[in-house]
């Protein structure tokens, strides 16, 4: 006696391909790179170079997600920037380029 085992018929939906993540457009990145060079160049031409450190401080504080008040964020940003400057100064103190401007900037 032969028995057959039949599986119930299932309706299966076709498997869709995994969604492709959108490519990051290159134009906004290029604009940001140009602005990163244009802002210091413009401040130098206008003679308001003193404006760059507060601008970097405020820009860094705007990226932080900690702290309740603006003063908290500014103080944390200041600590972050000072710590980063100290950490970058250690390898620069033994670097063999003799402090030429282009490699260090």
N, C-alpha and C. Protein backbone atom coordinates (compact mmCIF):
# COMPACT_ATOMS: atom_id res chain seq x y z
N UNK A 1 0.82 -1.15 0.00
CA UNK A 1 0.00 0.00 0.00
C UNK A 1 0.88 1.23 0.00
N UNK A 2 0.71 2.01 -0.95
CA UNK A 2 1.52 3.22 -1.11
C UNK A 2 0.72 4.42 -0.63
N UNK A 3 1.37 5.21 0.17
CA UNK A 3 0.72 6.43 0.63
C UNK A 3 1.48 7.62 0.08
N UNK A 4 0.77 8.60 -0.24
CA UNK A 4 1.40 9.82 -0.74
C UNK A 4 1.10 10.95 0.24
N UNK A 5 2.08 11.73 0.42
CA UNK A 5 1.93 12.87 1.31
C UNK A 5 1.89 14.13 0.45
N UNK A 6 0.79 14.79 0.51
CA UNK A 6 0.64 16.01 -0.29
C UNK A 6 0.63 17.21 0.66
N UNK A 7 1.37 18.20 0.27
CA UNK A 7 1.38 19.41 1.09
C UNK A 7 0.27 20.33 0.61
N UNK A 8 -0.32 21.06 1.52
CA UNK A 8 -1.38 21.97 1.10
C UNK A 8 -0.80 23.05 0.18
N UNK A 9 -1.58 23.41 -0.75
CA UNK A 9 -1.10 24.42 -1.70
C UNK A 9 -1.04 25.78 -1.00
N UNK A 10 0.04 26.43 -1.18
CA UNK A 10 0.23 27.75 -0.58
C UNK A 10 0.32 28.78 -1.69
N UNK A 11 -0.26 29.90 -1.40
CA UNK A 11 -0.13 31.01 -2.34
C UNK A 11 1.00 31.87 -1.83
N UNK A 12 2.03 31.94 -2.61
CA UNK A 12 3.18 32.73 -2.18
C UNK A 12 3.31 33.94 -3.09
N UNK A 13 3.59 35.03 -2.46
CA UNK A 13 3.81 36.26 -3.22
C UNK A 13 5.24 36.25 -3.76
N UNK A 14 5.42 36.85 -4.89
CA UNK A 14 6.79 36.89 -5.42
C UNK A 14 7.70 37.70 -4.48
N UNK A 15 8.91 37.24 -4.35
CA UNK A 15 9.86 37.90 -3.46
C UNK A 15 10.42 39.11 -4.18
N UNK A 16 10.26 40.24 -3.55
CA UNK A 16 10.78 41.47 -4.15
C UNK A 16 12.26 41.60 -3.82
N UNK A 17 12.96 42.24 -4.70
CA UNK A 17 14.38 42.46 -4.48
C UNK A 17 14.56 43.47 -3.34
N UNK A 18 15.68 43.36 -2.67
CA UNK A 18 15.96 44.28 -1.57
C UNK A 18 16.05 45.70 -2.11
N UNK A 19 15.50 46.65 -1.38
CA UNK A 19 15.55 48.02 -1.89
C UNK A 19 16.99 48.53 -1.94
N UNK A 20 17.28 49.22 -2.98
CA UNK A 20 18.61 49.78 -3.17
C UNK A 20 18.67 51.10 -2.42
N UNK A 21 19.66 51.27 -1.56
CA UNK A 21 19.73 52.55 -0.84
C UNK A 21 20.00 53.68 -1.82
N UNK A 22 19.40 54.83 -1.60
CA UNK A 22 19.60 55.93 -2.53
C UNK A 22 21.05 56.41 -2.49
N UNK A 23 21.54 56.75 -3.64
CA UNK A 23 22.90 57.25 -3.72
C UNK A 23 22.94 58.68 -3.21
N UNK A 24 23.97 58.99 -2.51
CA UNK A 24 24.12 60.33 -1.99
C UNK A 24 24.53 61.24 -3.15
N UNK A 25 23.78 62.30 -3.35
CA UNK A 25 24.14 63.19 -4.46
C UNK A 25 25.47 63.89 -4.18
N UNK A 26 26.24 64.07 -5.21
CA UNK A 26 27.57 64.64 -5.05
C UNK A 26 27.55 66.16 -5.06
N UNK A 27 26.52 66.77 -5.59
CA UNK A 27 26.50 68.24 -5.67
C UNK A 27 26.44 68.91 -4.31
N UNK A 28 25.56 68.48 -3.38
CA UNK A 28 25.59 69.13 -2.06
C UNK A 28 26.93 68.95 -1.34
N UNK A 29 27.56 67.81 -1.52
CA UNK A 29 28.86 67.59 -0.90
C UNK A 29 29.89 68.53 -1.50
N UNK A 30 29.85 68.70 -2.81
CA UNK A 30 30.78 69.61 -3.47
C UNK A 30 30.55 71.05 -3.02
N UNK A 31 29.30 71.44 -2.86
CA UNK A 31 29.00 72.79 -2.40
C UNK A 31 29.53 73.00 -0.98
N UNK A 32 29.36 72.01 -0.12
CA UNK A 32 29.86 72.13 1.25
C UNK A 32 31.38 72.21 1.30
N UNK A 33 32.06 71.48 0.44
CA UNK A 33 33.52 71.55 0.39
C UNK A 33 33.98 72.93 -0.08
N UNK A 34 33.31 73.46 -1.10
CA UNK A 34 33.65 74.80 -1.59
C UNK A 34 33.40 75.85 -0.51
N UNK A 35 32.29 75.72 0.22
CA UNK A 35 32.00 76.66 1.31
C UNK A 35 33.02 76.54 2.44
N UNK A 36 33.50 75.33 2.69
CA UNK A 36 34.48 75.14 3.74
C UNK A 36 35.78 75.89 3.44
N UNK A 37 36.09 76.07 2.17
CA UNK A 37 37.26 76.86 1.79
C UNK A 37 36.91 78.32 1.57
N UNK A 38 35.70 78.60 1.17
CA UNK A 38 35.32 79.98 0.84
C UNK A 38 35.11 80.83 2.08
N UNK A 39 34.58 80.26 3.14
CA UNK A 39 34.32 81.06 4.35
C UNK A 39 35.62 81.59 4.96
N UNK A 40 36.65 80.76 5.19
CA UNK A 40 37.89 81.33 5.72
C UNK A 40 38.57 82.29 4.74
N UNK A 41 38.50 81.98 3.46
CA UNK A 41 39.09 82.88 2.47
C UNK A 41 38.41 84.24 2.45
N UNK A 42 37.09 84.23 2.55
CA UNK A 42 36.34 85.49 2.55
C UNK A 42 36.61 86.28 3.82
N UNK A 43 36.64 85.61 4.96
CA UNK A 43 36.92 86.35 6.19
C UNK A 43 38.33 86.94 6.17
N UNK A 44 39.27 86.26 5.55
CA UNK A 44 40.63 86.79 5.46
C UNK A 44 40.66 88.02 4.54
N UNK A 45 39.96 87.94 3.42
CA UNK A 45 39.94 89.09 2.50
C UNK A 45 39.25 90.30 3.12
N UNK A 46 38.24 90.06 3.94
CA UNK A 46 37.52 91.16 4.58
C UNK A 46 38.20 91.64 5.86
N UNK A 47 39.21 90.91 6.32
CA UNK A 47 39.93 91.31 7.52
C UNK A 47 39.19 90.99 8.81
N UNK A 48 38.30 90.04 8.77
CA UNK A 48 37.55 89.66 9.97
C UNK A 48 37.86 88.21 10.34
N UNK A 49 39.15 87.91 10.36
CA UNK A 49 39.57 86.54 10.72
C UNK A 49 39.21 86.18 12.14
N UNK A 50 39.07 87.16 13.02
CA UNK A 50 38.74 86.92 14.41
C UNK A 50 37.37 86.26 14.56
N UNK A 51 36.56 86.31 13.50
CA UNK A 51 35.22 85.76 13.56
C UNK A 51 35.20 84.23 13.44
N UNK A 52 36.27 83.64 12.93
CA UNK A 52 36.28 82.19 12.69
C UNK A 52 36.24 81.34 13.97
N UNK A 53 37.03 81.63 15.01
CA UNK A 53 36.92 80.77 16.21
C UNK A 53 35.53 80.76 16.85
N UNK A 54 34.85 81.92 17.02
CA UNK A 54 33.48 81.82 17.54
C UNK A 54 32.53 81.08 16.58
N UNK A 55 32.76 81.23 15.29
CA UNK A 55 31.93 80.54 14.31
C UNK A 55 32.11 79.02 14.42
N UNK A 56 33.33 78.57 14.57
CA UNK A 56 33.60 77.14 14.73
C UNK A 56 33.01 76.63 16.04
N UNK A 57 33.11 77.44 17.10
CA UNK A 57 32.54 77.06 18.39
C UNK A 57 31.02 76.90 18.31
N UNK A 58 30.35 77.86 17.69
CA UNK A 58 28.89 77.79 17.57
C UNK A 58 28.48 76.64 16.65
N UNK A 59 29.24 76.43 15.58
CA UNK A 59 28.92 75.33 14.66
C UNK A 59 29.08 73.97 15.36
N UNK A 60 30.12 73.84 16.18
CA UNK A 60 30.32 72.59 16.92
C UNK A 60 29.22 72.40 17.96
N UNK A 61 28.86 73.47 18.65
CA UNK A 61 27.80 73.38 19.66
C UNK A 61 26.46 73.03 19.03
N UNK A 62 26.24 73.47 17.81
CA UNK A 62 24.96 73.17 17.16
C UNK A 62 24.85 71.70 16.77
N UNK A 63 25.98 71.01 16.67
CA UNK A 63 25.95 69.59 16.31
C UNK A 63 25.82 68.68 17.52
N UNK A 64 26.03 69.22 18.71
CA UNK A 64 25.95 68.39 19.92
C UNK A 64 24.49 68.16 20.31
N UNK A 65 24.23 66.99 20.88
CA UNK A 65 22.87 66.65 21.32
C UNK A 65 22.78 66.51 22.82
N UNK A 66 23.79 67.00 23.52
CA UNK A 66 23.79 66.92 24.99
C UNK A 66 23.68 68.32 25.56
N UNK A 67 23.36 68.40 26.81
CA UNK A 67 23.24 69.69 27.47
C UNK A 67 21.83 70.24 27.35
N UNK A 68 21.41 70.89 28.42
CA UNK A 68 20.05 71.43 28.42
C UNK A 68 19.99 72.84 27.86
N UNK A 69 20.99 73.64 28.18
CA UNK A 69 20.94 75.04 27.78
C UNK A 69 22.01 75.32 26.74
N UNK A 70 21.95 76.50 26.19
CA UNK A 70 22.94 76.92 25.19
C UNK A 70 24.32 77.00 25.81
N UNK A 71 24.39 77.46 27.06
CA UNK A 71 25.68 77.55 27.73
C UNK A 71 26.30 76.17 27.94
N UNK A 72 25.48 75.17 28.25
CA UNK A 72 25.98 73.80 28.38
C UNK A 72 26.59 73.32 27.08
N UNK A 73 25.90 73.55 26.01
CA UNK A 73 26.41 73.10 24.71
C UNK A 73 27.66 73.85 24.31
N UNK A 74 27.72 75.15 24.59
CA UNK A 74 28.91 75.92 24.25
C UNK A 74 30.11 75.46 25.07
N UNK A 75 29.91 75.17 26.35
CA UNK A 75 31.02 74.71 27.18
C UNK A 75 31.50 73.32 26.75
N UNK A 76 30.58 72.44 26.43
CA UNK A 76 30.97 71.11 25.96
C UNK A 76 31.68 71.20 24.61
N UNK A 77 31.21 72.08 23.75
CA UNK A 77 31.88 72.26 22.46
C UNK A 77 33.28 72.83 22.65
N UNK A 78 33.43 73.76 23.59
CA UNK A 78 34.75 74.33 23.87
C UNK A 78 35.70 73.25 24.39
N UNK A 79 35.22 72.41 25.29
CA UNK A 79 36.05 71.31 25.80
C UNK A 79 36.41 70.33 24.69
N UNK A 80 35.47 70.04 23.84
CA UNK A 80 35.72 69.13 22.72
C UNK A 80 36.76 69.70 21.78
N UNK A 81 36.64 70.98 21.45
CA UNK A 81 37.60 71.60 20.53
C UNK A 81 38.98 71.72 21.15
N UNK A 82 39.05 72.07 22.44
CA UNK A 82 40.35 72.17 23.09
C UNK A 82 41.02 70.80 23.21
N UNK A 83 40.24 69.79 23.52
CA UNK A 83 40.80 68.44 23.58
C UNK A 83 41.27 67.94 22.22
N UNK A 84 40.50 68.25 21.20
CA UNK A 84 40.92 67.86 19.85
C UNK A 84 42.17 68.60 19.40
N UNK A 85 42.28 69.86 19.80
CA UNK A 85 43.48 70.63 19.46
C UNK A 85 44.71 70.07 20.16
N UNK A 86 44.55 69.70 21.43
CA UNK A 86 45.68 69.08 22.15
C UNK A 86 46.06 67.74 21.54
N UNK A 87 45.06 66.95 21.19
CA UNK A 87 45.34 65.63 20.59
C UNK A 87 45.99 65.78 19.22
N UNK A 88 45.61 66.80 18.46
CA UNK A 88 46.23 67.01 17.15
C UNK A 88 47.63 67.61 17.29
N UNK A 89 47.87 68.33 18.38
CA UNK A 89 49.18 68.94 18.57
C UNK A 89 50.27 67.95 18.90
N UNK A 90 49.90 66.83 19.50
CA UNK A 90 50.93 65.85 19.85
C UNK A 90 51.63 65.28 18.61
N UNK A 91 50.90 64.77 17.60
CA UNK A 91 51.63 64.28 16.43
C UNK A 91 52.28 65.40 15.62
N UNK A 92 51.69 66.59 15.66
CA UNK A 92 52.29 67.68 14.89
C UNK A 92 53.62 68.13 15.50
N UNK A 93 53.80 67.91 16.79
CA UNK A 93 55.04 68.33 17.43
C UNK A 93 56.23 67.48 17.01
N UNK A 94 55.99 66.28 16.54
CA UNK A 94 57.09 65.42 16.10
C UNK A 94 57.05 65.16 14.59
N UNK A 95 56.19 65.86 13.89
CA UNK A 95 56.05 65.63 12.45
C UNK A 95 57.26 66.20 11.74
N UNK A 96 57.70 65.54 10.70
CA UNK A 96 58.92 65.94 10.00
C UNK A 96 58.74 67.00 8.93
N UNK A 97 57.57 67.60 8.80
CA UNK A 97 57.39 68.61 7.73
C UNK A 97 57.85 70.00 8.17
N UNK A 98 58.40 70.12 9.33
CA UNK A 98 58.94 71.38 9.84
C UNK A 98 57.94 72.51 9.82
N UNK A 99 56.67 72.18 10.15
CA UNK A 99 55.60 73.17 10.30
C UNK A 99 55.36 74.00 9.06
N UNK A 100 55.46 73.40 7.92
CA UNK A 100 55.03 74.11 6.71
C UNK A 100 53.53 74.27 6.74
N UNK A 101 53.05 75.36 6.17
CA UNK A 101 51.62 75.71 6.31
C UNK A 101 50.69 74.74 5.59
N UNK A 102 51.04 74.29 4.40
CA UNK A 102 50.10 73.47 3.63
C UNK A 102 49.86 72.09 4.23
N UNK A 103 50.85 71.36 4.74
CA UNK A 103 50.52 70.05 5.32
C UNK A 103 49.72 70.16 6.61
N UNK A 104 49.93 71.21 7.40
CA UNK A 104 49.25 71.30 8.67
C UNK A 104 47.87 71.90 8.55
N UNK A 105 47.58 72.54 7.44
CA UNK A 105 46.22 73.10 7.30
C UNK A 105 45.35 72.11 6.57
